Amino acid sequence: MIIKDEKKELIIETAIKRFRHYGIQKTTMSDIADDLSLSKPSLYYYFPDKNNLTIEVMNKVCSEYHFHLEKVHQPELSLENNLYNVIELRHQYFKKYYMLYWVNLTLFMNAQELRPLFLKIRKRDLAFYTDLFSAAVQKGEIAPLDSKEIAQLYTESLTGIIVSAMKEGNKTFLPSKEELKTLLENLHQLSGLFIKGLK
């Protein structure tokens, strides 16, 4: 059982490397099998198709992101500083896993296949930000409003800026340094305005 799990994990790690460098669309199951010196039937034993493997890849990447999200959060810091650090972390992941970002995923996968994964990620994000805003309310940093509603509005606003930036650029290639810099500045600006409006 341990050997099987290790092999499955190795396949996921290999797929992540391939997807990051070549994109999901340009990566085939044969490519991944070749990288591992594995026969295609052996690969299909673990993952019946590329969509199944892609979802497992996304689960791993998102679990890693949420792990670091909890680490970067420091209760003693102000809401403004915590959100600053979270945006920096989110931006790092956006750059590192750009080819796996959901707008790119929907280019080749059916939205219905991705829906359970998106809902799972969104639920974890909302829980994190709800706790963050709740703590800020308790410390008197912001007005006593519904923390869950604030979290929902905040995350949707962040996502809106990122999606807008992706639609303006070329979704198949990593944005330029200038585009990434502008995106990060816009996210921080949004966060600052958001906090100001909550006081």
Protein backbone atom coordinates (compact mmCIF):
# COMPACT_ATOMS: atom_id res chain seq x y z
CA MET A 1 0.00 0.00 0.00
CA ILE A 2 2.85 2.37 0.89
CA ILE A 3 4.63 1.59 -2.40
CA LYS A 4 1.42 2.25 -4.34
CA ASP A 5 0.92 5.60 -2.58
CA GLU A 6 4.56 6.55 -3.22
CA LYS A 7 4.20 5.76 -6.92
CA LYS A 8 0.99 7.78 -7.13
CA GLU A 9 2.69 10.71 -5.41
CA LEU A 10 5.64 10.47 -7.81
CA ILE A 11 3.28 10.59 -10.80
CA ILE A 12 1.58 13.70 -9.39
CA GLU A 13 4.93 15.43 -8.79
CA THR A 14 6.07 14.59 -12.32
CA ALA A 15 2.81 15.90 -13.77
CA ILE A 16 3.22 19.15 -11.82
CA LYS A 17 6.67 19.70 -13.35
CA ARG A 18 5.37 18.98 -16.84
CA PHE A 19 2.27 21.16 -16.44
CA ARG A 20 4.31 24.07 -15.08
CA HIS A 21 6.80 24.03 -17.93
CA TYR A 22 4.68 23.00 -20.90
CA GLY A 23 1.11 23.65 -19.82
CA ILE A 24 -1.68 21.13 -19.39
CA GLN A 25 -2.81 21.11 -22.99
CA LYS A 26 0.64 20.33 -24.39
CA THR A 27 1.37 17.59 -21.87
CA THR A 28 0.25 14.06 -22.71
CA MET A 29 -0.03 11.00 -20.53
CA SER A 30 2.72 9.50 -22.71
CA ASP A 31 5.04 12.38 -21.75
CA ILE A 32 4.48 11.73 -18.06
CA ALA A 33 4.93 7.96 -18.50
CA ASP A 34 8.19 8.56 -20.39
CA ASP A 35 9.51 10.90 -17.69
CA LEU A 36 8.95 8.13 -15.15
CA SER A 37 10.12 5.28 -17.41
CA LEU A 38 6.68 3.84 -16.80
CA SER A 39 4.44 2.00 -19.25
CA LYS A 40 1.18 3.73 -20.19
CA PRO A 41 -0.93 0.85 -18.81
CA SER A 42 0.87 1.27 -15.47
CA LEU A 43 0.17 5.00 -15.50
CA TYR A 44 -3.50 4.42 -16.31
CA TYR A 45 -3.69 1.99 -13.41
CA TYR A 46 -3.18 4.94 -11.07
CA PHE A 47 -5.01 7.58 -13.12
CA PRO A 48 -7.65 6.55 -15.70
CA ASP A 49 -7.25 9.78 -17.71
CA LYS A 50 -5.52 13.17 -17.75
CA ASN A 51 -8.49 14.98 -16.23
CA ASN A 52 -8.37 12.70 -13.20
CA LEU A 53 -4.64 13.31 -12.84
CA THR A 54 -5.07 17.07 -13.27
CA ILE A 55 -7.63 17.21 -10.47
CA GLU A 56 -5.23 15.31 -8.18
CA VAL A 57 -2.48 17.76 -9.14
CA MET A 58 -4.74 20.68 -8.26
CA ASN A 59 -5.69 19.07 -4.96
CA LYS A 60 -2.02 18.76 -4.05
CA VAL A 61 -1.11 22.31 -5.10
CA CYS A 62 -4.09 23.79 -3.25
CA SER A 63 -3.40 21.76 -0.10
CA GLU A 64 0.18 23.04 -0.16
CA TYR A 65 -1.08 26.60 -0.65
CA HIS A 66 -3.52 26.41 2.26
CA PHE A 67 -0.80 24.91 4.46
CA HIS A 68 1.44 27.92 3.78
CA LEU A 69 -1.53 30.25 4.12
CA GLU A 70 -2.00 29.14 7.73
CA LYS A 71 1.75 29.54 8.33
CA VAL A 72 1.90 33.08 6.95
CA HIS A 73 -1.02 34.21 9.11
CA GLN A 74 0.18 35.81 12.35
CA PRO A 75 -2.58 36.68 14.86
CA GLU A 76 -0.48 39.40 16.52
CA LEU A 77 -0.24 41.38 13.26
CA SER A 78 -2.82 43.89 12.10
CA LEU A 79 -5.40 42.95 9.49
CA GLU A 80 -3.61 45.16 6.98
CA ASN A 81 -0.27 43.41 7.51
CA ASN A 82 -1.82 39.95 7.45
CA LEU A 83 -3.63 40.66 4.19
CA TYR A 84 -0.41 42.08 2.75
CA ASN A 85 1.43 38.85 3.55
CA VAL A 86 -1.41 36.71 2.20
CA ILE A 87 -1.46 38.62 -1.09
CA GLU A 88 2.32 38.17 -1.41
CA LEU A 89 1.94 34.42 -0.87
CA ARG A 90 -0.98 34.20 -3.29
CA HIS A 91 1.04 36.07 -5.89
CA GLN A 92 3.98 33.67 -5.49
CA TYR A 93 1.68 30.73 -6.14
CA PHE A 94 0.06 32.51 -9.07
CA LYS A 95 3.48 32.91 -10.72
CA LYS A 96 4.67 29.42 -9.84
CA TYR A 97 1.52 27.60 -10.95
CA TYR A 98 0.19 29.99 -13.58
CA MET A 99 -0.40 27.18 -16.08
CA LEU A 100 -2.67 25.49 -13.52
CA TYR A 101 -4.76 28.55 -12.76
CA TRP A 102 -8.46 27.86 -13.19
CA VAL A 103 -8.93 30.03 -16.29
CA ASN A 104 -6.35 27.84 -18.03
CA LEU A 105 -7.97 24.67 -16.71
CA THR A 106 -11.30 25.58 -18.25
CA LEU A 107 -9.65 25.74 -21.67
CA PHE A 108 -9.55 21.96 -21.81
CA MET A 109 -11.72 20.62 -18.99
CA ASN A 110 -15.47 20.67 -18.64
CA ALA A 111 -16.65 23.15 -15.99
CA GLN A 112 -18.81 20.46 -14.36
CA GLU A 113 -15.74 18.26 -13.81
CA LEU A 114 -13.97 21.13 -12.07
CA ARG A 115 -16.92 22.35 -10.00
CA PRO A 116 -16.39 20.05 -6.95
CA LEU A 117 -12.73 21.06 -6.82
CA PHE A 118 -13.51 24.78 -7.10
CA LEU A 119 -16.16 24.54 -4.39
CA LYS A 120 -13.72 22.76 -2.08
CA ILE A 121 -11.02 25.42 -2.63
CA ARG A 122 -13.51 28.26 -2.22
CA LYS A 123 -14.84 26.79 1.03
CA ARG A 124 -11.33 26.66 2.51
CA ASP A 125 -10.53 30.19 1.32
CA LEU A 126 -13.75 31.59 2.78
CA ALA A 127 -13.14 29.89 6.12
CA PHE A 128 -9.64 31.37 6.32
CA TYR A 129 -10.68 34.92 5.42
CA THR A 130 -13.78 34.76 7.61
CA ASP A 131 -11.57 33.94 10.62
CA LEU A 132 -9.19 36.74 9.61
CA PHE A 133 -11.94 39.36 9.45
CA SER A 134 -13.61 38.04 12.61
CA ALA A 135 -10.36 38.52 14.54
CA ALA A 136 -10.10 42.07 13.17
CA VAL A 137 -13.65 42.81 14.36
CA GLN A 138 -12.85 41.48 17.84
CA LYS A 139 -9.70 43.64 18.02
CA GLY A 140 -11.69 46.70 16.96
CA GLU A 141 -9.73 47.17 13.74
CA ILE A 142 -12.85 47.22 11.58
CA ALA A 143 -16.56 47.80 12.07
CA PRO A 144 -18.65 44.91 13.52
CA LEU A 145 -19.99 43.58 10.23
CA ASP A 146 -20.77 40.04 9.04
CA SER A 147 -17.29 38.50 8.66
CA LYS A 148 -18.42 35.82 6.22
CA GLU A 149 -20.03 38.36 3.91
CA ILE A 150 -16.90 40.52 4.05
CA ALA A 151 -14.72 37.50 3.28
CA GLN A 152 -16.89 36.56 0.30
CA LEU A 153 -16.81 40.08 -1.13
CA TYR A 154 -13.05 40.38 -0.56
CA THR A 155 -12.13 37.07 -2.21
CA GLU A 156 -14.43 37.75 -5.16
CA SER A 157 -12.80 41.14 -5.63
CA LEU A 158 -9.30 39.62 -5.60
CA THR A 159 -10.34 36.93 -8.07
CA GLY A 160 -11.94 39.55 -10.31
CA ILE A 161 -8.69 41.50 -10.61
CA ILE A 162 -6.67 38.35 -11.38
CA VAL A 163 -9.13 37.04 -13.97
CA SER A 164 -9.31 40.46 -15.61
CA ALA A 165 -5.50 40.56 -15.87
CA MET A 166 -5.44 37.07 -17.39
CA LYS A 167 -8.10 37.89 -19.97
CA GLU A 168 -6.20 40.99 -21.06
CA GLY A 169 -2.98 39.03 -21.49
CA ASN A 170 -2.00 35.78 -23.20
CA LYS A 171 -3.36 32.92 -21.10
CA THR A 172 -0.93 30.40 -22.56
CA PHE A 173 2.23 32.21 -21.43
CA LEU A 174 3.41 33.61 -18.12
CA PRO A 175 2.75 37.38 -17.92
CA SER A 176 5.73 39.71 -18.19
CA LYS A 177 7.49 41.04 -15.07
CA GLU A 178 5.82 44.39 -15.62
CA GLU A 179 2.37 42.78 -15.87
CA LEU A 180 2.99 40.75 -12.72
CA LYS A 181 4.21 43.86 -10.89
CA THR A 182 1.08 45.78 -11.92
CA LEU A 183 -1.14 42.89 -10.84
CA LEU A 184 0.50 42.73 -7.41
CA GLU A 185 0.19 46.51 -6.96
CA ASN A 186 -3.50 46.37 -7.90
CA LEU A 187 -4.15 43.59 -5.39
CA HIS A 188 -2.46 45.54 -2.60
CA GLN A 189 -4.30 48.71 -3.58
CA LEU A 190 -7.63 46.87 -3.50
CA SER A 191 -6.81 45.45 -0.08
CA GLY A 192 -5.94 48.90 1.30
CA LEU A 193 -9.14 50.45 -0.02
CA PHE A 194 -11.16 47.51 1.29
CA ILE A 195 -9.79 47.87 4.83
CA LYS A 196 -10.31 51.64 4.77
CA GLY A 197 -13.95 51.11 3.83
CA LEU A 198 -14.47 48.70 6.75
CA LYS A 199 -13.26 51.11 9.45
